[in-house]
Amino acid sequence: MRTPSWFIIGIIFVLDIVAFGLAIGAETQRSQATKVKNINDVYCQYTQDKASGLAIGALVFLLIGQAIVMGLTSCLCCSATSYKPGKHRIFAIVFFCLSWTTFIISELCLLVGARLNTLRTRSVVNFSDDGDPADDLHCRQVKKSLFAAGAAFTFLTLCFSELYYISVTRASEGSWQESYNNGAPTISMSTYP
């Protein structure tokens, strides 16, 4: 049984926690819209768009973290390493599936949120219409729950990726000498002068 590298665990943790922080930042910096009444019309006034950049940054950091984990473990199914049957292999398969599921949901939430946050309603309502023109105008905004869901699934991806890496590392057989000797001590065959 191999032991997981704390350096790799630390890198994955830092990348995913930065992605989580950026997703939370995107939630707090969403564009807000207010209806502005002019002399002849009503239109939507938006705040500066900072959330889209934060969401794309979170998306990139999460993608890099996931790529490192899957690259080091050869994505579980493409590895030349054999895995010992047992609880670590079962946990590795479960955490692999959960990691990819939460990763895809997180990436979709962040991508859709960034795209919707950049959309601006350019419609203008004239006062010549019947009734209050402000009632006819609906300013488009990203719902609060979209970036929050992206942040939540980013955190879950962090947890499942770490657990997957630890499980798959413990389930791997190790070097060929370890497999051949079943971990028993051996005598060195070095040459003597």
C-alpha atoms as a PDB file:
ATOM      1  CA  MET A   1       0.000   0.000   0.000  1.00  0.00           C
ATOM      2  CA  ARG A   2       1.387   3.382  -1.009  1.00  0.00           C
ATOM      3  CA  THR A   3       0.892   6.488   1.082  1.00  0.00           C
ATOM      4  CA  PRO A   4      -0.511   9.670  -0.424  1.00  0.00           C
ATOM      5  CA  SER A   5       1.804  12.629  -0.914  1.00  0.00           C
ATOM      6  CA  TRP A   6       1.058  15.503   1.461  1.00  0.00           C
ATOM      7  CA  PHE A   7       2.558  17.901  -1.076  1.00  0.00           C
ATOM      8  CA  ILE A   8      -0.007  16.877  -3.710  1.00  0.00           C
ATOM      9  CA  ILE A   9      -2.826  17.019  -1.158  1.00  0.00           C
ATOM     10  CA  GLY A  10      -1.696  20.537  -0.227  1.00  0.00           C
ATOM     11  CA  ILE A  11      -1.581  21.720  -3.854  1.00  0.00           C
ATOM     12  CA  ILE A  12      -5.048  20.346  -4.577  1.00  0.00           C
ATOM     13  CA  PHE A  13      -6.383  21.890  -1.376  1.00  0.00           C
ATOM     14  CA  VAL A  14      -4.945  25.331  -2.165  1.00  0.00           C
ATOM     15  CA  LEU A  15      -6.231  25.332  -5.764  1.00  0.00           C
ATOM     16  CA  ASP A  16      -9.718  24.233  -4.777  1.00  0.00           C
ATOM     17  CA  ILE A  17      -9.947  26.573  -1.780  1.00  0.00           C
ATOM     18  CA  VAL A  18      -8.953  29.497  -4.032  1.00  0.00           C
ATOM     19  CA  ALA A  19     -11.690  28.395  -6.452  1.00  0.00           C
ATOM     20  CA  PHE A  20     -14.145  28.282  -3.546  1.00  0.00           C
ATOM     21  CA  GLY A  21     -13.132  31.778  -2.412  1.00  0.00           C
ATOM     22  CA  LEU A  22     -13.505  33.166  -5.927  1.00  0.00           C
ATOM     23  CA  ALA A  23     -16.952  31.582  -6.246  1.00  0.00           C
ATOM     24  CA  ILE A  24     -18.001  33.204  -2.957  1.00  0.00           C
ATOM     25  CA  GLY A  25     -16.578  36.490  -4.251  1.00  0.00           C
ATOM     26  CA  ALA A  26     -18.630  36.119  -7.435  1.00  0.00           C
ATOM     27  CA  GLU A  27     -21.729  35.669  -5.292  1.00  0.00           C
ATOM     28  CA  THR A  28     -21.099  38.882  -3.381  1.00  0.00           C
ATOM     29  CA  GLN A  29     -20.144  40.901  -6.468  1.00  0.00           C
ATOM     30  CA  ARG A  30     -23.113  40.026  -8.693  1.00  0.00           C
ATOM     31  CA  SER A  31     -24.339  42.821 -10.930  1.00  0.00           C
ATOM     32  CA  GLN A  32     -27.327  44.578  -9.422  1.00  0.00           C
ATOM     33  CA  ALA A  33     -29.931  46.394 -11.496  1.00  0.00           C
ATOM     34  CA  THR A  34     -32.045  49.388 -10.616  1.00  0.00           C
ATOM     35  CA  LYS A  35     -34.797  50.981 -12.665  1.00  0.00           C
ATOM     36  CA  VAL A  36     -33.957  54.541 -13.622  1.00  0.00           C
ATOM     37  CA  LYS A  37     -36.699  56.938 -14.693  1.00  0.00           C
ATOM     38  CA  ASN A  38     -35.687  59.499 -17.255  1.00  0.00           C
ATOM     39  CA  ILE A  39     -37.836  62.302 -18.621  1.00  0.00           C
ATOM     40  CA  ASN A  40     -39.355  60.187 -21.389  1.00  0.00           C
ATOM     41  CA  ASP A  41     -38.457  56.608 -20.573  1.00  0.00           C
ATOM     42  CA  VAL A  42     -37.421  54.022 -17.989  1.00  0.00           C
ATOM     43  CA  TYR A  43     -34.333  51.817 -18.294  1.00  0.00           C
ATOM     44  CA  CYS A  44     -32.147  49.446 -16.256  1.00  0.00           C
ATOM     45  CA  GLN A  45     -28.961  50.737 -14.666  1.00  0.00           C
ATOM     46  CA  TYR A  46     -26.430  48.005 -13.770  1.00  0.00           C
ATOM     47  CA  THR A  47     -23.491  48.010 -11.394  1.00  0.00           C
ATOM     48  CA  GLN A  48     -20.022  47.115 -12.649  1.00  0.00           C
ATOM     49  CA  ASP A  49     -19.560  43.477 -13.680  1.00  0.00           C
ATOM     50  CA  LYS A  50     -16.965  41.925 -11.358  1.00  0.00           C
ATOM     51  CA  ALA A  51     -18.644  38.594 -10.722  1.00  0.00           C
ATOM     52  CA  SER A  52     -18.053  37.172 -14.200  1.00  0.00           C
ATOM     53  CA  GLY A  53     -14.289  37.471 -13.892  1.00  0.00           C
ATOM     54  CA  LEU A  54     -14.338  35.957 -10.406  1.00  0.00           C
ATOM     55  CA  ALA A  55     -16.513  33.064 -11.602  1.00  0.00           C
ATOM     56  CA  ILE A  56     -14.210  32.361 -14.558  1.00  0.00           C
ATOM     57  CA  GLY A  57     -11.221  32.468 -12.201  1.00  0.00           C
ATOM     58  CA  ALA A  58     -12.925  29.955  -9.903  1.00  0.00           C
ATOM     59  CA  LEU A  59     -13.721  27.783 -12.902  1.00  0.00           C
ATOM     60  CA  VAL A  60     -10.049  27.782 -14.012  1.00  0.00           C
ATOM     61  CA  PHE A  61      -8.632  27.009 -10.549  1.00  0.00           C
ATOM     62  CA  LEU A  62     -11.118  24.190 -10.059  1.00  0.00           C
ATOM     63  CA  LEU A  63     -10.272  22.795 -13.489  1.00  0.00           C
ATOM     64  CA  ILE A  64      -6.527  22.847 -12.741  1.00  0.00           C
ATOM     65  CA  GLY A  65      -7.068  21.076  -9.407  1.00  0.00           C
ATOM     66  CA  GLN A  66      -9.222  18.394 -11.015  1.00  0.00           C
ATOM     67  CA  ALA A  67      -6.716  17.942 -13.855  1.00  0.00           C
ATOM     68  CA  ILE A  68      -3.852  17.432 -11.381  1.00  0.00           C
ATOM     69  CA  VAL A  69      -5.776  14.795  -9.419  1.00  0.00           C
ATOM     70  CA  MET A  70      -6.895  12.925 -12.517  1.00  0.00           C
ATOM     71  CA  GLY A  71      -3.480  13.233 -14.157  1.00  0.00           C
ATOM     72  CA  LEU A  72      -1.672  11.765 -11.149  1.00  0.00           C
ATOM     73  CA  THR A  73      -4.122   8.901 -10.752  1.00  0.00           C
ATOM     74  CA  SER A  74      -4.571   8.298 -14.498  1.00  0.00           C
ATOM     75  CA  CYS A  75      -8.291   8.871 -14.058  1.00  0.00           C
ATOM     76  CA  LEU A  76      -8.707   5.514 -12.228  1.00  0.00           C
ATOM     77  CA  CYS A  77      -9.695   3.596 -15.359  1.00  0.00           C
ATOM     78  CA  CYS A  78      -6.697   4.310 -17.611  1.00  0.00           C
ATOM     79  CA  SER A  79      -3.969   3.432 -15.125  1.00  0.00           C
ATOM     80  CA  ALA A  80      -1.420   0.686 -15.617  1.00  0.00           C
ATOM     81  CA  THR A  81      -1.287   0.314 -11.838  1.00  0.00           C
ATOM     82  CA  SER A  82      -3.235  -2.551 -10.370  1.00  0.00           C
ATOM     83  CA  TYR A  83      -5.493  -1.900  -7.417  1.00  0.00           C
ATOM     84  CA  LYS A  84      -5.904  -4.196  -4.454  1.00  0.00           C
ATOM     85  CA  PRO A  85      -9.439  -5.394  -3.851  1.00  0.00           C
ATOM     86  CA  GLY A  86     -10.916  -4.057  -0.682  1.00  0.00           C
ATOM     87  CA  LYS A  87     -12.412  -1.004   0.942  1.00  0.00           C
ATOM     88  CA  HIS A  88      -9.876   1.481  -0.469  1.00  0.00           C
ATOM     89  CA  ARG A  89     -10.669   0.463  -4.042  1.00  0.00           C
ATOM     90  CA  ILE A  90     -14.428   0.711  -3.392  1.00  0.00           C
ATOM     91  CA  PHE A  91     -13.989   4.129  -1.766  1.00  0.00           C
ATOM     92  CA  ALA A  92     -11.833   5.232  -4.704  1.00  0.00           C
ATOM     93  CA  ILE A  93     -14.566   4.315  -7.197  1.00  0.00           C
ATOM     94  CA  VAL A  94     -17.288   6.036  -5.138  1.00  0.00           C
ATOM     95  CA  PHE A  95     -15.243   9.205  -4.593  1.00  0.00           C
ATOM     96  CA  PHE A  96     -14.211   9.217  -8.276  1.00  0.00           C
ATOM     97  CA  CYS A  97     -17.881   9.283  -9.346  1.00  0.00           C
ATOM     98  CA  LEU A  98     -18.837  11.869  -6.726  1.00  0.00           C
ATOM     99  CA  SER A  99     -15.848  14.051  -7.585  1.00  0.00           C
ATOM    100  CA  TRP A 100     -16.728  14.163 -11.276  1.00  0.00           C
ATOM    101  CA  THR A 101     -20.427  14.748 -10.589  1.00  0.00           C
ATOM    102  CA  THR A 102     -19.826  17.688  -8.259  1.00  0.00           C
ATOM    103  CA  PHE A 103     -17.093  19.034 -10.554  1.00  0.00           C
ATOM    104  CA  ILE A 104     -19.402  19.120 -13.584  1.00  0.00           C
ATOM    105  CA  ILE A 105     -22.247  20.718 -11.624  1.00  0.00           C
ATOM    106  CA  SER A 106     -19.887  23.318 -10.156  1.00  0.00           C
ATOM    107  CA  GLU A 107     -18.371  24.189 -13.530  1.00  0.00           C
ATOM    108  CA  LEU A 108     -21.825  24.527 -15.101  1.00  0.00           C
ATOM    109  CA  CYS A 109     -23.099  26.766 -12.287  1.00  0.00           C
ATOM    110  CA  LEU A 110     -20.053  29.030 -12.528  1.00  0.00           C
ATOM    111  CA  LEU A 111     -20.089  29.149 -16.329  1.00  0.00           C
ATOM    112  CA  VAL A 112     -23.818  29.840 -16.603  1.00  0.00           C
ATOM    113  CA  GLY A 113     -23.611  32.391 -13.782  1.00  0.00           C
ATOM    114  CA  ALA A 114     -20.737  34.215 -15.485  1.00  0.00           C
ATOM    115  CA  ARG A 115     -22.591  34.228 -18.796  1.00  0.00           C
ATOM    116  CA  LEU A 116     -25.874  35.438 -17.320  1.00  0.00           C
ATOM    117  CA  ASN A 117     -24.116  38.097 -15.260  1.00  0.00           C
ATOM    118  CA  THR A 118     -22.731  39.675 -18.425  1.00  0.00           C
ATOM    119  CA  LEU A 119     -26.156  39.894 -20.057  1.00  0.00           C
ATOM    120  CA  ARG A 120     -27.682  43.338 -19.873  1.00  0.00           C
ATOM    121  CA  THR A 121     -31.281  44.228 -20.523  1.00  0.00           C
ATOM    122  CA  ARG A 122     -31.244  47.015 -23.045  1.00  0.00           C
ATOM    123  CA  SER A 123     -34.991  47.490 -23.235  1.00  0.00           C
ATOM    124  CA  VAL A 124     -36.420  50.934 -22.673  1.00  0.00           C
ATOM    125  CA  VAL A 125     -40.074  51.605 -21.874  1.00  0.00           C
ATOM    126  CA  ASN A 126     -41.618  54.860 -23.046  1.00  0.00           C
ATOM    127  CA  PHE A 127     -44.071  56.872 -20.971  1.00  0.00           C
ATOM    128  CA  SER A 128     -46.519  56.934 -23.860  1.00  0.00           C
ATOM    129  CA  ASP A 129     -47.628  53.395 -22.941  1.00  0.00           C
ATOM    130  CA  ASP A 130     -50.644  52.876 -20.735  1.00  0.00           C
ATOM    131  CA  GLY A 131     -50.047  52.447 -17.019  1.00  0.00           C
ATOM    132  CA  ASP A 132     -46.805  52.817 -15.115  1.00  0.00           C
ATOM    133  CA  PRO A 133     -43.838  52.143 -17.451  1.00  0.00           C
ATOM    134  CA  ALA A 134     -41.735  50.799 -14.582  1.00  0.00           C
ATOM    135  CA  ASP A 135     -44.134  47.853 -14.244  1.00  0.00           C
ATOM    136  CA  ASP A 136     -43.430  46.766 -17.826  1.00  0.00           C
ATOM    137  CA  LEU A 137     -39.654  46.726 -17.446  1.00  0.00           C
ATOM    138  CA  HIS A 138     -37.983  43.669 -15.935  1.00  0.00           C
ATOM    139  CA  CYS A 139     -34.258  44.019 -15.305  1.00  0.00           C
ATOM    140  CA  ARG A 140     -32.400  40.751 -15.738  1.00  0.00           C
ATOM    141  CA  GLN A 141     -30.148  39.672 -12.865  1.00  0.00           C
ATOM    142  CA  VAL A 142     -28.383  36.473 -11.870  1.00  0.00           C
ATOM    143  CA  LYS A 143     -30.195  34.704  -9.050  1.00  0.00           C
ATOM    144  CA  LYS A 144     -28.350  34.564  -5.767  1.00  0.00           C
ATOM    145  CA  SER A 145     -28.510  30.806  -5.661  1.00  0.00           C
ATOM    146  CA  LEU A 146     -26.535  30.221  -8.881  1.00  0.00           C
ATOM    147  CA  PHE A 147     -23.097  31.384  -7.696  1.00  0.00           C
ATOM    148  CA  ALA A 148     -23.831  30.023  -4.208  1.00  0.00           C
ATOM    149  CA  ALA A 149     -24.550  26.596  -5.700  1.00  0.00           C
ATOM    150  CA  GLY A 150     -21.316  26.848  -7.685  1.00  0.00           C
ATOM    151  CA  ALA A 151     -19.413  27.624  -4.476  1.00  0.00           C
ATOM    152  CA  ALA A 152     -21.083  24.761  -2.582  1.00  0.00           C
ATOM    153  CA  PHE A 153     -20.315  22.231  -5.298  1.00  0.00           C
ATOM    154  CA  THR A 154     -16.759  23.587  -5.526  1.00  0.00           C
ATOM    155  CA  PHE A 155     -16.317  22.783  -1.837  1.00  0.00           C
ATOM    156  CA  LEU A 156     -17.795  19.314  -2.335  1.00  0.00           C
ATOM    157  CA  THR A 157     -15.437  18.768  -5.278  1.00  0.00           C
ATOM    158  CA  LEU A 158     -12.542  19.708  -2.994  1.00  0.00           C
ATOM    159  CA  CYS A 159     -13.606  17.132  -0.410  1.00  0.00           C
ATOM    160  CA  PHE A 160     -14.322  14.327  -2.872  1.00  0.00           C
ATOM    161  CA  SER A 161     -11.151  14.928  -4.917  1.00  0.00           C
ATOM    162  CA  GLU A 162      -8.983  14.763  -1.805  1.00  0.00           C
ATOM    163  CA  LEU A 163     -10.720  11.604  -0.590  1.00  0.00           C
ATOM    164  CA  TYR A 164     -10.469  10.053  -4.065  1.00  0.00           C
ATOM    165  CA  TYR A 165      -6.737  10.771  -4.267  1.00  0.00           C
ATOM    166  CA  ILE A 166      -6.115   9.302  -0.808  1.00  0.00           C
ATOM    167  CA  SER A 167      -8.236   6.205  -1.522  1.00  0.00           C
ATOM    168  CA  VAL A 168      -6.758   5.481  -4.936  1.00  0.00           C
ATOM    169  CA  THR A 169      -3.229   5.918  -3.608  1.00  0.00           C
ATOM    170  CA  ARG A 170      -3.868   3.488  -0.765  1.00  0.00           C
ATOM    171  CA  ALA A 171      -5.540   1.011  -3.115  1.00  0.00           C
ATOM    172  CA  SER A 172      -2.625   0.910  -5.556  1.00  0.00           C
ATOM    173  CA  GLU A 173      -0.264  -2.028  -5.319  1.00  0.00           C
ATOM    174  CA  GLY A 174       2.961  -0.006  -5.228  1.00  0.00           C
ATOM    175  CA  SER A 175       6.218  -0.948  -6.901  1.00  0.00           C
ATOM    176  CA  TRP A 176       6.830  -4.290  -8.611  1.00  0.00           C
ATOM    177  CA  GLN A 177       9.325  -5.343  -5.922  1.00  0.00           C
ATOM    178  CA  GLU A 178       6.700  -4.794  -3.237  1.00  0.00           C
ATOM    179  CA  SER A 179       4.166  -6.841  -5.209  1.00  0.00           C
ATOM    180  CA  TYR A 180       6.667  -9.627  -5.897  1.00  0.00           C
ATOM    181  CA  ASN A 181       7.865  -9.999  -2.320  1.00  0.00           C
ATOM    182  CA  ASN A 182       4.559  -9.148  -0.635  1.00  0.00           C
ATOM    183  CA  GLY A 183       6.383  -6.524   1.361  1.00  0.00           C
ATOM    184  CA  ALA A 184       8.757  -9.035   2.969  1.00  0.00           C
ATOM    185  CA  PRO A 185      12.300  -7.907   3.717  1.00  0.00           C
ATOM    186  CA  THR A 186      14.903  -8.907   1.163  1.00  0.00           C
ATOM    187  CA  ILE A 187      18.652  -9.376   1.113  1.00  0.00           C
ATOM    188  CA  SER A 188      20.607  -6.907  -0.978  1.00  0.00           C
ATOM    189  CA  MET A 189      22.739  -8.465  -3.724  1.00  0.00           C
ATOM    190  CA  SER A 190      25.332  -5.697  -3.947  1.00  0.00           C
ATOM    191  CA  THR A 191      28.831  -6.488  -5.137  1.00  0.00           C
ATOM    192  CA  TYR A 192      31.791  -6.444  -2.758  1.00  0.00           C
ATOM    193  CA  PRO A 193      35.186  -5.137  -3.830  1.00  0.00           C
END
